[in-house]
Amino acid sequence: MTTALTTTSTATPALTQLDRCDRCSAAAKVRALLPTDGELLFCGHHARMHLPRLREIGATLSSGP
């Protein structure tokens, strides 16, 4: 008996001008995908501020277009 594993990939959409920072409502420059399947959007300033903690928890970061 063999067991096959399948994985599905979901692409994250590119950031647009309508996407806003979750901290200050400035234009979002970074999307942080959290290990718990959540997502946070940050402007450049807040992304830099929270980067150490985001890395610590294993978030996947992607920049705007």
N, C-alpha and C. Protein backbone atom coordinates (compact mmCIF):
# COMPACT_ATOMS: atom_id res chain seq x y z
N MET A 1 0.84 -1.17 0.00
CA MET A 1 0.00 0.00 0.00
C MET A 1 0.89 1.25 0.00
N THR A 2 0.58 2.21 -0.85
CA THR A 2 1.32 3.46 -0.89
C THR A 2 0.39 4.61 -0.56
N THR A 3 0.96 5.60 0.02
CA THR A 3 0.19 6.79 0.37
C THR A 3 0.76 7.97 -0.41
N ALA A 4 -0.10 8.68 -1.09
CA ALA A 4 0.33 9.86 -1.83
C ALA A 4 -0.05 11.12 -1.06
N LEU A 5 0.88 12.02 -1.00
CA LEU A 5 0.62 13.30 -0.35
C LEU A 5 0.41 14.34 -1.44
N THR A 6 -0.60 15.14 -1.28
CA THR A 6 -0.82 16.23 -2.22
C THR A 6 -0.81 17.54 -1.47
N THR A 7 -0.23 18.52 -2.09
CA THR A 7 -0.23 19.84 -1.50
C THR A 7 -0.90 20.80 -2.46
N THR A 8 -1.58 21.75 -1.92
CA THR A 8 -2.20 22.76 -2.77
C THR A 8 -1.50 24.08 -2.50
N SER A 9 -1.33 24.82 -3.55
CA SER A 9 -0.67 26.11 -3.44
C SER A 9 -1.68 27.20 -3.73
N THR A 10 -1.74 28.15 -2.84
CA THR A 10 -2.62 29.29 -3.09
C THR A 10 -1.75 30.52 -3.25
N ALA A 11 -1.84 31.13 -4.39
CA ALA A 11 -1.06 32.32 -4.66
C ALA A 11 -1.70 33.51 -3.95
N THR A 12 -0.88 34.34 -3.40
CA THR A 12 -1.40 35.55 -2.77
C THR A 12 -1.46 36.65 -3.81
N PRO A 13 -2.55 37.37 -3.84
CA PRO A 13 -2.66 38.45 -4.82
C PRO A 13 -1.66 39.57 -4.53
N ALA A 14 -1.26 40.26 -5.57
CA ALA A 14 -0.34 41.38 -5.41
C ALA A 14 -1.03 42.50 -4.64
N LEU A 15 -0.25 43.26 -3.92
CA LEU A 15 -0.78 44.41 -3.21
C LEU A 15 -1.22 45.47 -4.22
N THR A 16 -2.29 46.16 -3.91
CA THR A 16 -2.78 47.23 -4.77
C THR A 16 -2.79 48.53 -4.00
N GLN A 17 -3.14 49.61 -4.67
CA GLN A 17 -3.22 50.91 -4.00
C GLN A 17 -4.35 50.95 -2.98
N LEU A 18 -5.27 50.03 -3.08
CA LEU A 18 -6.38 49.98 -2.12
C LEU A 18 -6.01 49.27 -0.82
N ASP A 19 -4.92 48.48 -0.83
CA ASP A 19 -4.49 47.79 0.38
C ASP A 19 -3.86 48.78 1.35
N ARG A 20 -4.23 48.69 2.61
CA ARG A 20 -3.79 49.64 3.63
C ARG A 20 -3.13 48.94 4.81
N CYS A 21 -2.18 49.63 5.41
CA CYS A 21 -1.48 49.15 6.60
C CYS A 21 -2.49 48.91 7.72
N ASP A 22 -2.36 47.78 8.39
CA ASP A 22 -3.26 47.46 9.49
C ASP A 22 -2.99 48.30 10.75
N ARG A 23 -1.89 49.01 10.79
CA ARG A 23 -1.56 49.84 11.96
C ARG A 23 -1.93 51.30 11.78
N CYS A 24 -1.73 51.85 10.56
CA CYS A 24 -1.90 53.30 10.41
C CYS A 24 -2.68 53.72 9.17
N SER A 25 -3.12 52.80 8.38
CA SER A 25 -3.90 53.06 7.17
C SER A 25 -3.12 53.71 6.03
N ALA A 26 -1.79 53.76 6.11
CA ALA A 26 -0.97 54.20 4.97
C ALA A 26 -1.00 53.08 3.92
N ALA A 27 -0.51 53.37 2.73
CA ALA A 27 -0.48 52.35 1.67
C ALA A 27 0.36 51.15 2.12
N ALA A 28 -0.18 49.95 1.94
CA ALA A 28 0.54 48.73 2.34
C ALA A 28 1.68 48.45 1.38
N LYS A 29 2.83 48.11 1.92
CA LYS A 29 4.01 47.76 1.14
C LYS A 29 4.45 46.33 1.36
N VAL A 30 4.00 45.72 2.48
CA VAL A 30 4.42 44.36 2.84
C VAL A 30 3.22 43.57 3.32
N ARG A 31 3.13 42.33 2.83
CA ARG A 31 2.10 41.39 3.30
C ARG A 31 2.82 40.34 4.14
N ALA A 32 2.33 40.13 5.35
CA ALA A 32 2.88 39.11 6.24
C ALA A 32 1.85 37.99 6.37
N LEU A 33 2.22 36.81 5.87
CA LEU A 33 1.35 35.63 6.01
C LEU A 33 1.77 34.90 7.27
N LEU A 34 0.87 34.81 8.21
CA LEU A 34 1.17 34.22 9.50
C LEU A 34 1.03 32.70 9.47
N PRO A 35 1.77 32.00 10.31
CA PRO A 35 1.68 30.54 10.34
C PRO A 35 0.29 30.03 10.71
N THR A 36 -0.52 30.88 11.32
CA THR A 36 -1.87 30.49 11.72
C THR A 36 -2.90 30.77 10.62
N ASP A 37 -2.40 31.01 9.39
CA ASP A 37 -3.23 31.30 8.21
C ASP A 37 -3.81 32.69 8.21
N GLY A 38 -3.37 33.56 9.08
CA GLY A 38 -3.81 34.95 9.06
C GLY A 38 -2.90 35.77 8.17
N GLU A 39 -3.26 37.00 7.97
CA GLU A 39 -2.45 37.90 7.16
C GLU A 39 -2.51 39.31 7.73
N LEU A 40 -1.38 39.99 7.67
CA LEU A 40 -1.29 41.38 8.10
C LEU A 40 -0.66 42.17 6.97
N LEU A 41 -1.12 43.41 6.80
CA LEU A 41 -0.54 44.31 5.81
C LEU A 41 0.12 45.46 6.55
N PHE A 42 1.32 45.84 6.11
CA PHE A 42 2.06 46.91 6.76
C PHE A 42 2.62 47.89 5.75
N CYS A 43 2.69 49.16 6.15
CA CYS A 43 3.45 50.15 5.40
C CYS A 43 4.93 49.83 5.64
N GLY A 44 5.82 50.49 4.94
CA GLY A 44 7.25 50.23 5.11
C GLY A 44 7.73 50.47 6.53
N HIS A 45 7.28 51.56 7.15
CA HIS A 45 7.69 51.90 8.51
C HIS A 45 7.29 50.81 9.51
N HIS A 46 6.04 50.39 9.47
CA HIS A 46 5.58 49.39 10.43
C HIS A 46 6.12 48.00 10.11
N ALA A 47 6.38 47.72 8.85
CA ALA A 47 7.01 46.44 8.49
C ALA A 47 8.39 46.35 9.12
N ARG A 48 9.18 47.42 9.01
CA ARG A 48 10.51 47.43 9.62
C ARG A 48 10.41 47.32 11.14
N MET A 49 9.43 47.98 11.72
CA MET A 49 9.26 47.97 13.18
C MET A 49 8.95 46.55 13.69
N HIS A 50 8.11 45.83 12.96
CA HIS A 50 7.65 44.52 13.42
C HIS A 50 8.42 43.34 12.82
N LEU A 51 9.38 43.62 11.94
CA LEU A 51 10.12 42.56 11.24
C LEU A 51 10.76 41.53 12.17
N PRO A 52 11.45 41.93 13.25
CA PRO A 52 12.06 40.91 14.11
C PRO A 52 11.03 39.91 14.67
N ARG A 53 9.91 40.40 15.13
CA ARG A 53 8.90 39.51 15.71
C ARG A 53 8.25 38.65 14.63
N LEU A 54 8.00 39.22 13.46
CA LEU A 54 7.41 38.45 12.36
C LEU A 54 8.32 37.29 11.96
N ARG A 55 9.61 37.55 11.90
CA ARG A 55 10.58 36.47 11.59
C ARG A 55 10.58 35.43 12.70
N GLU A 56 10.52 35.89 13.93
CA GLU A 56 10.54 35.00 15.09
C GLU A 56 9.39 34.01 15.06
N ILE A 57 8.22 34.46 14.65
CA ILE A 57 7.05 33.57 14.63
C ILE A 57 6.91 32.80 13.31
N GLY A 58 7.82 33.05 12.36
CA GLY A 58 7.80 32.28 11.12
C GLY A 58 6.87 32.81 10.06
N ALA A 59 6.58 34.10 10.08
CA ALA A 59 5.72 34.70 9.05
C ALA A 59 6.45 34.73 7.72
N THR A 60 5.70 34.59 6.64
CA THR A 60 6.24 34.72 5.30
C THR A 60 5.93 36.12 4.81
N LEU A 61 6.97 36.84 4.39
CA LEU A 61 6.80 38.24 3.99
C LEU A 61 6.92 38.38 2.48
N SER A 62 6.08 39.23 1.92
CA SER A 62 6.19 39.54 0.50
C SER A 62 5.96 41.03 0.31
N SER A 63 6.70 41.60 -0.64
CA SER A 63 6.60 43.03 -0.91
C SER A 63 5.57 43.30 -1.98
N GLY A 64 5.24 44.58 -2.10
CA GLY A 64 4.29 45.01 -3.11
C GLY A 64 4.78 44.76 -4.53
N PRO A 65 4.01 45.19 -5.50
CA PRO A 65 4.33 44.89 -6.90
C PRO A 65 5.66 45.36 -7.36
